[in-house]
Amino acid sequence: MTARPDHHSAAETWRGSWINFYQYRGGQSHLGLIISATREEADKVRAVWFEGVAERAKLGLVMAVWVPTWEPYEIIGKFERRIADDHPSVAKAKNCIFSTAIPHEVL
């Protein structure tokens, strides 16, 4: 679920902060809540997120993100199927098809 940009891209020379980007099968996407000082730290944040997703799945919980606010939450497994995979405001972590750290620019 992770990818690295082309080694010749501007991202490889970026010296600023980083934020994680997530894309889902249902078309949803969002940025993470944590801004990291380095790409490596952002990669670790993403790894911890997906480890937590796997651990909660063992307990019958589905992790999701409320897209408008980027806030994560748990869905009890038996209720998860009531929320469509392409719901515009709910991104289920199990449907993540791509994630990567991207340069974060403060506007």
PDB file of N, CA and C in Angstrom:
ATOM      1  N   MET A   1       0.800  -1.190   0.000  1.00  0.00           N
ATOM      2  CA  MET A   1       0.000   0.000   0.000  1.00  0.00           C
ATOM      3  C   MET A   1       0.852   1.268   0.000  1.00  0.00           C
ATOM      4  N   THR A   2       2.109   1.141  -0.233  1.00  0.00           N
ATOM      5  CA  THR A   2       2.941   2.335  -0.259  1.00  0.00           C
ATOM      6  C   THR A   2       3.660   2.427  -1.588  1.00  0.00           C
ATOM      7  N   ALA A   3       4.108   3.603  -1.896  1.00  0.00           N
ATOM      8  CA  ALA A   3       4.841   3.815  -3.139  1.00  0.00           C
ATOM      9  C   ALA A   3       5.842   4.930  -2.925  1.00  0.00           C
ATOM     10  N   ARG A   4       6.901   4.909  -3.672  1.00  0.00           N
ATOM     11  CA  ARG A   4       7.898   5.975  -3.631  1.00  0.00           C
ATOM     12  C   ARG A   4       7.873   6.680  -4.985  1.00  0.00           C
ATOM     13  N   PRO A   5       8.062   7.996  -4.974  1.00  0.00           N
ATOM     14  CA  PRO A   5       8.071   8.710  -6.254  1.00  0.00           C
ATOM     15  C   PRO A   5       9.324   8.364  -7.050  1.00  0.00           C
ATOM     16  N   ASP A   6       9.301   8.703  -8.312  1.00  0.00           N
ATOM     17  CA  ASP A   6      10.461   8.536  -9.172  1.00  0.00           C
ATOM     18  C   ASP A   6      11.674   9.219  -8.524  1.00  0.00           C
ATOM     19  N   HIS A   7      12.815   8.553  -8.518  1.00  0.00           N
ATOM     20  CA  HIS A   7      14.002   9.093  -7.846  1.00  0.00           C
ATOM     21  C   HIS A   7      14.473  10.410  -8.455  1.00  0.00           C
ATOM     22  N   HIS A   8      14.003  10.752  -9.610  1.00  0.00           N
ATOM     23  CA  HIS A   8      14.411  11.995 -10.256  1.00  0.00           C
ATOM     24  C   HIS A   8      13.423  13.128  -9.996  1.00  0.00           C
ATOM     25  N   SER A   9      12.430  12.873  -9.169  1.00  0.00           N
ATOM     26  CA  SER A   9      11.409  13.886  -8.930  1.00  0.00           C
ATOM     27  C   SER A   9      11.862  14.905  -7.879  1.00  0.00           C
ATOM     28  N   ALA A  10      11.151  16.005  -7.831  1.00  0.00           N
ATOM     29  CA  ALA A  10      11.455  17.060  -6.860  1.00  0.00           C
ATOM     30  C   ALA A  10      11.258  16.574  -5.426  1.00  0.00           C
ATOM     31  N   ALA A  11      10.398  15.579  -5.224  1.00  0.00           N
ATOM     32  CA  ALA A  11      10.158  15.063  -3.877  1.00  0.00           C
ATOM     33  C   ALA A  11      11.425  14.501  -3.252  1.00  0.00           C
ATOM     34  N   GLU A  12      12.306  13.948  -4.069  1.00  0.00           N
ATOM     35  CA  GLU A  12      13.534  13.369  -3.530  1.00  0.00           C
ATOM     36  C   GLU A  12      14.482  14.419  -2.955  1.00  0.00           C
ATOM     37  N   THR A  13      14.346  15.646  -3.372  1.00  0.00           N
ATOM     38  CA  THR A  13      15.225  16.706  -2.871  1.00  0.00           C
ATOM     39  C   THR A  13      14.516  17.611  -1.868  1.00  0.00           C
ATOM     40  N   TRP A  14      13.269  17.312  -1.549  1.00  0.00           N
ATOM     41  CA  TRP A  14      12.480  18.130  -0.626  1.00  0.00           C
ATOM     42  C   TRP A  14      13.088  18.088   0.764  1.00  0.00           C
ATOM     43  N   ARG A  15      13.287  19.236   1.380  1.00  0.00           N
ATOM     44  CA  ARG A  15      13.878  19.317   2.717  1.00  0.00           C
ATOM     45  C   ARG A  15      12.882  19.820   3.758  1.00  0.00           C
ATOM     46  N   GLY A  16      11.634  19.994   3.358  1.00  0.00           N
ATOM     47  CA  GLY A  16      10.607  20.464   4.281  1.00  0.00           C
ATOM     48  C   GLY A  16       9.894  19.307   4.969  1.00  0.00           C
ATOM     49  N   SER A  17       8.711  19.572   5.503  1.00  0.00           N
ATOM     50  CA  SER A  17       7.934  18.553   6.207  1.00  0.00           C
ATOM     51  C   SER A  17       7.152  17.684   5.217  1.00  0.00           C
ATOM     52  N   TRP A  18       6.643  16.587   5.749  1.00  0.00           N
ATOM     53  CA  TRP A  18       5.944  15.581   4.936  1.00  0.00           C
ATOM     54  C   TRP A  18       4.595  15.251   5.568  1.00  0.00           C
ATOM     55  N   ILE A  19       3.655  14.838   4.713  1.00  0.00           N
ATOM     56  CA  ILE A  19       2.338  14.400   5.166  1.00  0.00           C
ATOM     57  C   ILE A  19       1.945  13.188   4.322  1.00  0.00           C
ATOM     58  N   ASN A  20       1.172  12.300   4.897  1.00  0.00           N
ATOM     59  CA  ASN A  20       0.763  11.100   4.160  1.00  0.00           C
ATOM     60  C   ASN A  20      -0.514  11.358   3.366  1.00  0.00           C
ATOM     61  N   PHE A  21      -0.571  10.754   2.190  1.00  0.00           N
ATOM     62  CA  PHE A  21      -1.715  10.824   1.289  1.00  0.00           C
ATOM     63  C   PHE A  21      -2.252   9.410   1.123  1.00  0.00           C
ATOM     64  N   TYR A  22      -3.569   9.262   1.161  1.00  0.00           N
ATOM     65  CA  TYR A  22      -4.221   7.961   1.027  1.00  0.00           C
ATOM     66  C   TYR A  22      -5.275   8.011  -0.078  1.00  0.00           C
ATOM     67  N   GLN A  23      -5.337   6.973  -0.908  1.00  0.00           N
ATOM     68  CA  GLN A  23      -6.321   6.859  -1.989  1.00  0.00           C
ATOM     69  C   GLN A  23      -7.068   5.533  -1.812  1.00  0.00           C
ATOM     70  N   TYR A  24      -8.382   5.540  -2.057  1.00  0.00           N
ATOM     71  CA  TYR A  24      -9.221   4.370  -1.802  1.00  0.00           C
ATOM     72  C   TYR A  24      -9.939   3.876  -3.057  1.00  0.00           C
ATOM     73  N   ARG A  25     -10.288   2.601  -3.023  1.00  0.00           N
ATOM     74  CA  ARG A  25     -10.981   1.945  -4.128  1.00  0.00           C
ATOM     75  C   ARG A  25     -12.270   2.673  -4.503  1.00  0.00           C
ATOM     76  N   GLY A  26     -12.962   3.242  -3.528  1.00  0.00           N
ATOM     77  CA  GLY A  26     -14.230   3.927  -3.789  1.00  0.00           C
ATOM     78  C   GLY A  26     -14.075   5.336  -4.351  1.00  0.00           C
ATOM     79  N   GLY A  27     -12.842   5.764  -4.585  1.00  0.00           N
ATOM     80  CA  GLY A  27     -12.587   7.084  -5.145  1.00  0.00           C
ATOM     81  C   GLY A  27     -12.267   8.154  -4.115  1.00  0.00           C
ATOM     82  N   GLN A  28     -12.397   7.835  -2.826  1.00  0.00           N
ATOM     83  CA  GLN A  28     -12.090   8.815  -1.798  1.00  0.00           C
ATOM     84  C   GLN A  28     -10.574   8.976  -1.663  1.00  0.00           C
ATOM     85  N   SER A  29     -10.173  10.126  -1.146  1.00  0.00           N
ATOM     86  CA  SER A  29      -8.763  10.357  -0.826  1.00  0.00           C
ATOM     87  C   SER A  29      -8.698  11.405   0.280  1.00  0.00           C
ATOM     88  N   HIS A  30      -7.604  11.397   1.006  1.00  0.00           N
ATOM     89  CA  HIS A  30      -7.425  12.379   2.068  1.00  0.00           C
ATOM     90  C   HIS A  30      -5.960  12.423   2.477  1.00  0.00           C
ATOM     91  N   LEU A  31      -5.618  13.454   3.221  1.00  0.00           N
ATOM     92  CA  LEU A  31      -4.294  13.568   3.813  1.00  0.00           C
ATOM     93  C   LEU A  31      -4.357  13.066   5.244  1.00  0.00           C
ATOM     94  N   GLY A  32      -3.217  12.657   5.782  1.00  0.00           N
ATOM     95  CA  GLY A  32      -3.160  12.222   7.171  1.00  0.00           C
ATOM     96  C   GLY A  32      -3.232  13.411   8.117  1.00  0.00           C
ATOM     97  N   LEU A  33      -3.348  13.127   9.402  1.00  0.00           N
ATOM     98  CA  LEU A  33      -3.441  14.178  10.406  1.00  0.00           C
ATOM     99  C   LEU A  33      -2.076  14.628  10.922  1.00  0.00           C
ATOM    100  N   ILE A  34      -1.046  13.811  10.713  1.00  0.00           N
ATOM    101  CA  ILE A  34       0.263  14.083  11.299  1.00  0.00           C
ATOM    102  C   ILE A  34       1.220  14.617  10.238  1.00  0.00           C
ATOM    103  N   ILE A  35       1.829  15.740  10.549  1.00  0.00           N
ATOM    104  CA  ILE A  35       2.866  16.312   9.695  1.00  0.00           C
ATOM    105  C   ILE A  35       4.206  15.883  10.280  1.00  0.00           C
ATOM    106  N   SER A  36       5.046  15.259   9.466  1.00  0.00           N
ATOM    107  CA  SER A  36       6.322  14.716   9.914  1.00  0.00           C
ATOM    108  C   SER A  36       7.479  15.566   9.402  1.00  0.00           C
ATOM    109  N   ALA A  37       8.562  15.572  10.155  1.00  0.00           N
ATOM    110  CA  ALA A  37       9.738  16.359   9.781  1.00  0.00           C
ATOM    111  C   ALA A  37      10.478  15.761   8.594  1.00  0.00           C
ATOM    112  N   THR A  38      10.440  14.428   8.466  1.00  0.00           N
ATOM    113  CA  THR A  38      11.158  13.766   7.380  1.00  0.00           C
ATOM    114  C   THR A  38      10.250  12.749   6.707  1.00  0.00           C
ATOM    115  N   ARG A  39      10.646  12.358   5.520  1.00  0.00           N
ATOM    116  CA  ARG A  39       9.897  11.329   4.796  1.00  0.00           C
ATOM    117  C   ARG A  39       9.910  10.010   5.566  1.00  0.00           C
ATOM    118  N   GLU A  40      11.039   9.687   6.170  1.00  0.00           N
ATOM    119  CA  GLU A  40      11.153   8.440   6.932  1.00  0.00           C
ATOM    120  C   GLU A  40      10.177   8.417   8.105  1.00  0.00           C
ATOM    121  N   GLU A  41      10.035   9.553   8.793  1.00  0.00           N
ATOM    122  CA  GLU A  41       9.079   9.630   9.895  1.00  0.00           C
ATOM    123  C   GLU A  41       7.649   9.462   9.379  1.00  0.00           C
ATOM    124  N   ALA A  42       7.345  10.069   8.256  1.00  0.00           N
ATOM    125  CA  ALA A  42       6.010   9.926   7.662  1.00  0.00           C
ATOM    126  C   ALA A  42       5.753   8.466   7.278  1.00  0.00           C
ATOM    127  N   ASP A  43       6.764   7.787   6.740  1.00  0.00           N
ATOM    128  CA  ASP A  43       6.632   6.368   6.405  1.00  0.00           C
ATOM    129  C   ASP A  43       6.331   5.545   7.650  1.00  0.00           C
ATOM    130  N   LYS A  44       6.978   5.881   8.773  1.00  0.00           N
ATOM    131  CA  LYS A  44       6.742   5.159  10.035  1.00  0.00           C
ATOM    132  C   LYS A  44       5.321   5.400  10.539  1.00  0.00           C
ATOM    133  N   VAL A  45       4.853   6.642  10.426  1.00  0.00           N
ATOM    134  CA  VAL A  45       3.485   6.961  10.838  1.00  0.00           C
ATOM    135  C   VAL A  45       2.492   6.122  10.049  1.00  0.00           C
ATOM    136  N   ARG A  46       2.711   6.027   8.754  1.00  0.00           N
ATOM    137  CA  ARG A  46       1.821   5.244   7.886  1.00  0.00           C
ATOM    138  C   ARG A  46       1.887   3.768   8.252  1.00  0.00           C
ATOM    139  N   ALA A  47       3.071   3.256   8.534  1.00  0.00           N
ATOM    140  CA  ALA A  47       3.225   1.848   8.911  1.00  0.00           C
ATOM    141  C   ALA A  47       2.469   1.552  10.211  1.00  0.00           C
ATOM    142  N   VAL A  48       2.567   2.439  11.179  1.00  0.00           N
ATOM    143  CA  VAL A  48       1.848   2.257  12.449  1.00  0.00           C
ATOM    144  C   VAL A  48       0.343   2.263  12.213  1.00  0.00           C
ATOM    145  N   TRP A  49      -0.124   3.147  11.328  1.00  0.00           N
ATOM    146  CA  TRP A  49      -1.560   3.193  11.006  1.00  0.00           C
ATOM    147  C   TRP A  49      -2.021   1.843  10.476  1.00  0.00           C
ATOM    148  N   PHE A  50      -1.313   1.293   9.499  1.00  0.00           N
ATOM    149  CA  PHE A  50      -1.742   0.034   8.897  1.00  0.00           C
ATOM    150  C   PHE A  50      -1.574  -1.146   9.851  1.00  0.00           C
ATOM    151  N   GLU A  51      -0.603  -1.098  10.757  1.00  0.00           N
ATOM    152  CA  GLU A  51      -0.490  -2.130  11.798  1.00  0.00           C
ATOM    153  C   GLU A  51      -1.714  -2.084  12.705  1.00  0.00           C
ATOM    154  N   GLY A  52      -2.141  -0.882  13.073  1.00  0.00           N
ATOM    155  CA  GLY A  52      -3.338  -0.723  13.898  1.00  0.00           C
ATOM    156  C   GLY A  52      -4.590  -1.213  13.192  1.00  0.00           C
ATOM    157  N   VAL A  53      -4.663  -0.957  11.892  1.00  0.00           N
ATOM    158  CA  VAL A  53      -5.790  -1.441  11.089  1.00  0.00           C
ATOM    159  C   VAL A  53      -5.850  -2.966  11.153  1.00  0.00           C
ATOM    160  N   ALA A  54      -4.709  -3.627  10.984  1.00  0.00           N
ATOM    161  CA  ALA A  54      -4.654  -5.095  11.011  1.00  0.00           C
ATOM    162  C   ALA A  54      -5.013  -5.645  12.391  1.00  0.00           C
ATOM    163  N   GLU A  55      -4.523  -5.003  13.444  1.00  0.00           N
ATOM    164  CA  GLU A  55      -4.828  -5.455  14.810  1.00  0.00           C
ATOM    165  C   GLU A  55      -6.313  -5.321  15.116  1.00  0.00           C
ATOM    166  N   ARG A  56      -6.905  -4.219  14.718  1.00  0.00           N
ATOM    167  CA  ARG A  56      -8.335  -4.017  14.975  1.00  0.00           C
ATOM    168  C   ARG A  56      -9.193  -4.990  14.166  1.00  0.00           C
ATOM    169  N   ALA A  57      -8.738  -5.338  12.964  1.00  0.00           N
ATOM    170  CA  ALA A  57      -9.474  -6.306  12.145  1.00  0.00           C
ATOM    171  C   ALA A  57      -9.571  -7.650  12.862  1.00  0.00           C
ATOM    172  N   LYS A  58      -8.529  -8.029  13.598  1.00  0.00           N
ATOM    173  CA  LYS A  58      -8.550  -9.281  14.370  1.00  0.00           C
ATOM    174  C   LYS A  58      -9.632  -9.246  15.439  1.00  0.00           C
ATOM    175  N   LEU A  59     -10.015  -8.051  15.867  1.00  0.00           N
ATOM    176  CA  LEU A  59     -11.053  -7.883  16.890  1.00  0.00           C
ATOM    177  C   LEU A  59     -12.435  -7.662  16.276  1.00  0.00           C
ATOM    178  N   GLY A  60     -12.517  -7.741  14.952  1.00  0.00           N
ATOM    179  CA  GLY A  60     -13.796  -7.553  14.272  1.00  0.00           C
ATOM    180  C   GLY A  60     -14.153  -6.094  14.038  1.00  0.00           C
ATOM    181  N   LEU A  61     -13.139  -5.229  14.075  1.00  0.00           N
ATOM    182  CA  LEU A  61     -13.376  -3.804  13.855  1.00  0.00           C
ATOM    183  C   LEU A  61     -12.781  -3.372  12.518  1.00  0.00           C
ATOM    184  N   VAL A  62     -13.451  -2.457  11.851  1.00  0.00           N
ATOM    185  CA  VAL A  62     -12.978  -1.917  10.587  1.00  0.00           C
ATOM    186  C   VAL A  62     -12.603  -0.458  10.838  1.00  0.00           C
ATOM    187  N   MET A  63     -11.372  -0.103  10.524  1.00  0.00           N
ATOM    188  CA  MET A  63     -10.948   1.289  10.663  1.00  0.00           C
ATOM    189  C   MET A  63     -11.395   2.066   9.427  1.00  0.00           C
ATOM    190  N   ALA A  64     -11.833   3.267   9.669  1.00  0.00           N
ATOM    191  CA  ALA A  64     -12.274   4.137   8.582  1.00  0.00           C
ATOM    192  C   ALA A  64     -11.856   5.567   8.907  1.00  0.00           C
ATOM    193  N   VAL A  65     -11.972   6.410   7.912  1.00  0.00           N
ATOM    194  CA  VAL A  65     -11.679   7.832   8.080  1.00  0.00           C
ATOM    195  C   VAL A  65     -12.889   8.612   7.604  1.00  0.00           C
ATOM    196  N   TRP A  66     -13.312   9.569   8.430  1.00  0.00           N
ATOM    197  CA  TRP A  66     -14.374  10.492   8.026  1.00  0.00           C
ATOM    198  C   TRP A  66     -13.691  11.529   7.148  1.00  0.00           C
ATOM    199  N   VAL A  67     -13.870  11.429   5.838  1.00  0.00           N
ATOM    200  CA  VAL A  67     -13.116  12.205   4.858  1.00  0.00           C
ATOM    201  C   VAL A  67     -13.206  13.723   5.061  1.00  0.00           C
ATOM    202  N   PRO A  68     -14.378  14.291   5.369  1.00  0.00           N
ATOM    203  CA  PRO A  68     -14.421  15.750   5.504  1.00  0.00           C
ATOM    204  C   PRO A  68     -13.484  16.322   6.573  1.00  0.00           C
ATOM    205  N   THR A  69     -13.201  15.546   7.622  1.00  0.00           N
ATOM    206  CA  THR A  69     -12.349  16.050   8.706  1.00  0.00           C
ATOM    207  C   THR A  69     -11.035  15.277   8.833  1.00  0.00           C
ATOM    208  N   TRP A  70     -10.866  14.204   8.072  1.00  0.00           N
ATOM    209  CA  TRP A  70      -9.702  13.318   8.110  1.00  0.00           C
ATOM    210  C   TRP A  70      -9.593  12.555   9.435  1.00  0.00           C
ATOM    211  N   GLU A  71     -10.643  12.524  10.231  1.00  0.00           N
ATOM    212  CA  GLU A  71     -10.612  11.872  11.543  1.00  0.00           C
ATOM    213  C   GLU A  71     -10.846  10.368  11.414  1.00  0.00           C
ATOM    214  N   PRO A  72      -9.964   9.551  12.008  1.00  0.00           N
ATOM    215  CA  PRO A  72     -10.158   8.102  11.985  1.00  0.00           C
ATOM    216  C   PRO A  72     -11.169   7.651  13.040  1.00  0.00           C
ATOM    217  N   TYR A  73     -11.835   6.541  12.781  1.00  0.00           N
ATOM    218  CA  TYR A  73     -12.740   5.944  13.754  1.00  0.00           C
ATOM    219  C   TYR A  73     -12.908   4.467  13.444  1.00  0.00           C
ATOM    220  N   GLU A  74     -13.511   3.744  14.387  1.00  0.00           N
ATOM    221  CA  GLU A  74     -13.732   2.304  14.242  1.00  0.00           C
ATOM    222  C   GLU A  74     -15.197   2.035  13.913  1.00  0.00           C
ATOM    223  N   ILE A  75     -15.413   1.023  13.069  1.00  0.00           N
ATOM    224  CA  ILE A  75     -16.759   0.559  12.756  1.00  0.00           C
ATOM    225  C   ILE A  75     -16.835  -0.888  13.224  1.00  0.00           C
ATOM    226  N   ILE A  76     -17.878  -1.238  13.953  1.00  0.00           N
ATOM    227  CA  ILE A  76     -18.068  -2.625  14.358  1.00  0.00           C
ATOM    228  C   ILE A  76     -18.343  -3.428  13.098  1.00  0.00           C
ATOM    229  N   GLY A  77     -17.607  -4.522  12.919  1.00  0.00           N
ATOM    230  CA  GLY A  77     -17.638  -5.300  11.689  1.00  0.00           C
ATOM    231  C   GLY A  77     -19.015  -5.611  11.141  1.00  0.00           C
ATOM    232  N   LYS A  78     -19.949  -6.003  12.007  1.00  0.00           N
ATOM    233  CA  LYS A  78     -21.266  -6.386  11.492  1.00  0.00           C
ATOM    234  C   LYS A  78     -22.048  -5.196  10.936  1.00  0.00           C
ATOM    235  N   PHE A  79     -21.659  -3.974  11.288  1.00  0.00           N
ATOM    236  CA  PHE A  79     -22.325  -2.784  10.754  1.00  0.00           C
ATOM    237  C   PHE A  79     -21.601  -2.208   9.547  1.00  0.00           C
ATOM    238  N   GLU A  80     -20.384  -2.643   9.327  1.00  0.00           N
ATOM    239  CA  GLU A  80     -19.550  -2.111   8.249  1.00  0.00           C
ATOM    240  C   GLU A  80     -20.195  -2.282   6.884  1.00  0.00           C
ATOM    241  N   ARG A  81     -20.848  -3.386   6.661  1.00  0.00           N
ATOM    242  CA  ARG A  81     -21.433  -3.636   5.341  1.00  0.00           C
ATOM    243  C   ARG A  81     -22.577  -2.692   5.015  1.00  0.00           C
ATOM    244  N   ARG A  82     -23.099  -1.986   6.010  1.00  0.00           N
ATOM    245  CA  ARG A  82     -24.176  -1.022   5.772  1.00  0.00           C
ATOM    246  C   ARG A  82     -23.657   0.278   5.149  1.00  0.00           C
ATOM    247  N   ILE A  83     -22.350   0.454   5.163  1.00  0.00           N
ATOM    248  CA  ILE A  83     -21.739   1.660   4.599  1.00  0.00           C
ATOM    249  C   ILE A  83     -21.103   1.276   3.265  1.00  0.00           C
ATOM    250  N   ALA A  84     -21.582   1.847   2.200  1.00  0.00           N
ATOM    251  CA  ALA A  84     -21.071   1.514   0.863  1.00  0.00           C
ATOM    252  C   ALA A  84     -19.587   1.838   0.757  1.00  0.00           C
ATOM    253  N   ASP A  85     -18.850   0.999   0.035  1.00  0.00           N
ATOM    254  CA  ASP A  85     -17.421   1.215  -0.151  1.00  0.00           C
ATOM    255  C   ASP A  85     -17.119   2.517  -0.881  1.00  0.00           C
ATOM    256  N   ASP A  86     -18.081   3.007  -1.662  1.00  0.00           N
ATOM    257  CA  ASP A  86     -17.858   4.255  -2.395  1.00  0.00           C
ATOM    258  C   ASP A  86     -18.561   5.455  -1.742  1.00  0.00           C
ATOM    259  N   HIS A  87     -18.925   5.317  -0.465  1.00  0.00           N
ATOM    260  CA  HIS A  87     -19.535   6.438   0.261  1.00  0.00           C
ATOM    261  C   HIS A  87     -18.559   7.610   0.216  1.00  0.00           C
ATOM    262  N   PRO A  88     -18.995   8.782  -0.220  1.00  0.00           N
ATOM    263  CA  PRO A  88     -18.058   9.897  -0.411  1.00  0.00           C
ATOM    264  C   PRO A  88     -17.408  10.420   0.869  1.00  0.00           C
ATOM    265  N   SER A  89     -18.026  10.177   2.029  1.00  0.00           N
ATOM    266  CA  SER A  89     -17.481  10.709   3.277  1.00  0.00           C
ATOM    267  C   SER A  89     -16.801   9.671   4.151  1.00  0.00           C
ATOM    268  N   VAL A  90     -16.875   8.397   3.773  1.00  0.00           N
ATOM    269  CA  VAL A  90     -16.289   7.332   4.587  1.00  0.00           C
ATOM    270  C   VAL A  90     -15.279   6.544   3.758  1.00  0.00           C
ATOM    271  N   ALA A  91     -14.028   6.568   4.196  1.00  0.00           N
ATOM    272  CA  ALA A  91     -12.976   5.795   3.533  1.00  0.00           C
ATOM    273  C   ALA A  91     -12.557   4.668   4.463  1.00  0.00           C
ATOM    274  N   LYS A  92     -12.859   3.439   4.082  1.00  0.00           N
ATOM    275  CA  LYS A  92     -12.498   2.280   4.903  1.00  0.00           C
ATOM    276  C   LYS A  92     -11.041   1.917   4.624  1.00  0.00           C
ATOM    277  N   ALA A  93     -10.264   1.789   5.681  1.00  0.00           N
ATOM    278  CA  ALA A  93      -8.827   1.519   5.524  1.00  0.00           C
ATOM    279  C   ALA A  93      -8.575   0.251   4.721  1.00  0.00           C
ATOM    280  N   LYS A  94      -9.427  -0.737   4.852  1.00  0.00           N
ATOM    281  CA  LYS A  94      -9.224  -1.993   4.118  1.00  0.00           C
ATOM    282  C   LYS A  94      -9.331  -1.794   2.608  1.00  0.00           C
ATOM    283  N   ASN A  95      -9.894  -0.671   2.174  1.00  0.00           N
ATOM    284  CA  ASN A  95     -10.040  -0.379   0.749  1.00  0.00           C
ATOM    285  C   ASN A  95      -8.960   0.555   0.224  1.00  0.00           C
ATOM    286  N   CYS A  96      -7.927   0.796   1.035  1.00  0.00           N
ATOM    287  CA  CYS A  96      -6.846   1.677   0.596  1.00  0.00           C
ATOM    288  C   CYS A  96      -6.057   0.981  -0.514  1.00  0.00           C
ATOM    289  N   ILE A  97      -5.918   1.652  -1.648  1.00  0.00           N
ATOM    290  CA  ILE A  97      -5.199   1.060  -2.775  1.00  0.00           C
ATOM    291  C   ILE A  97      -3.852   1.734  -3.012  1.00  0.00           C
ATOM    292  N   PHE A  98      -3.646   2.894  -2.375  1.00  0.00           N
ATOM    293  CA  PHE A  98      -2.384   3.610  -2.570  1.00  0.00           C
ATOM    294  C   PHE A  98      -2.176   4.575  -1.420  1.00  0.00           C
ATOM    295  N   SER A  99      -0.956   4.608  -0.917  1.00  0.00           N
ATOM    296  CA  SER A  99      -0.609   5.610   0.087  1.00  0.00           C
ATOM    297  C   SER A  99       0.871   5.924  -0.026  1.00  0.00           C
ATOM    298  N   THR A 100       1.207   7.159   0.247  1.00  0.00           N
ATOM    299  CA  THR A 100       2.599   7.583   0.166  1.00  0.00           C
ATOM    300  C   THR A 100       2.772   8.863   0.958  1.00  0.00           C
ATOM    301  N   ALA A 101       4.005   9.153   1.326  1.00  0.00           N
ATOM    302  CA  ALA A 101       4.325  10.440   1.943  1.00  0.00           C
ATOM    303  C   ALA A 101       4.574  11.443   0.826  1.00  0.00           C
ATOM    304  N   ILE A 102       4.029  12.630   1.005  1.00  0.00           N
ATOM    305  CA  ILE A 102       4.214  13.683   0.005  1.00  0.00           C
ATOM    306  C   ILE A 102       4.756  14.939   0.704  1.00  0.00           C
ATOM    307  N   PRO A 103       5.454  15.796  -0.028  1.00  0.00           N
ATOM    308  CA  PRO A 103       5.917  17.040   0.579  1.00  0.00           C
ATOM    309  C   PRO A 103       4.738  17.876   1.074  1.00  0.00           C
ATOM    310  N   HIS A 104       4.893  18.446   2.260  1.00  0.00           N
ATOM    311  CA  HIS A 104       3.846  19.291   2.839  1.00  0.00           C
ATOM    312  C   HIS A 104       4.298  20.733   2.803  1.00  0.00           C
ATOM    313  N   GLU A 105       3.498  21.537   2.157  1.00  0.00           N
ATOM    314  CA  GLU A 105       3.797  22.957   2.070  1.00  0.00           C
ATOM    315  C   GLU A 105       2.759  23.729   2.864  1.00  0.00           C
ATOM    316  N   VAL A 106       3.203  24.589   3.725  1.00  0.00           N
ATOM    317  CA  VAL A 106       2.290  25.420   4.489  1.00  0.00           C
ATOM    318  C   VAL A 106       1.887  26.594   3.607  1.00  0.00           C
ATOM    319  N   LEU A 107       0.590  26.761   3.424  1.00  0.00           N
ATOM    320  CA  LEU A 107       0.086  27.833   2.562  1.00  0.00           C
ATOM    321  C   LEU A 107      -0.081  29.119   3.334  1.00  0.00           C
TER     322      LEU A 107
END
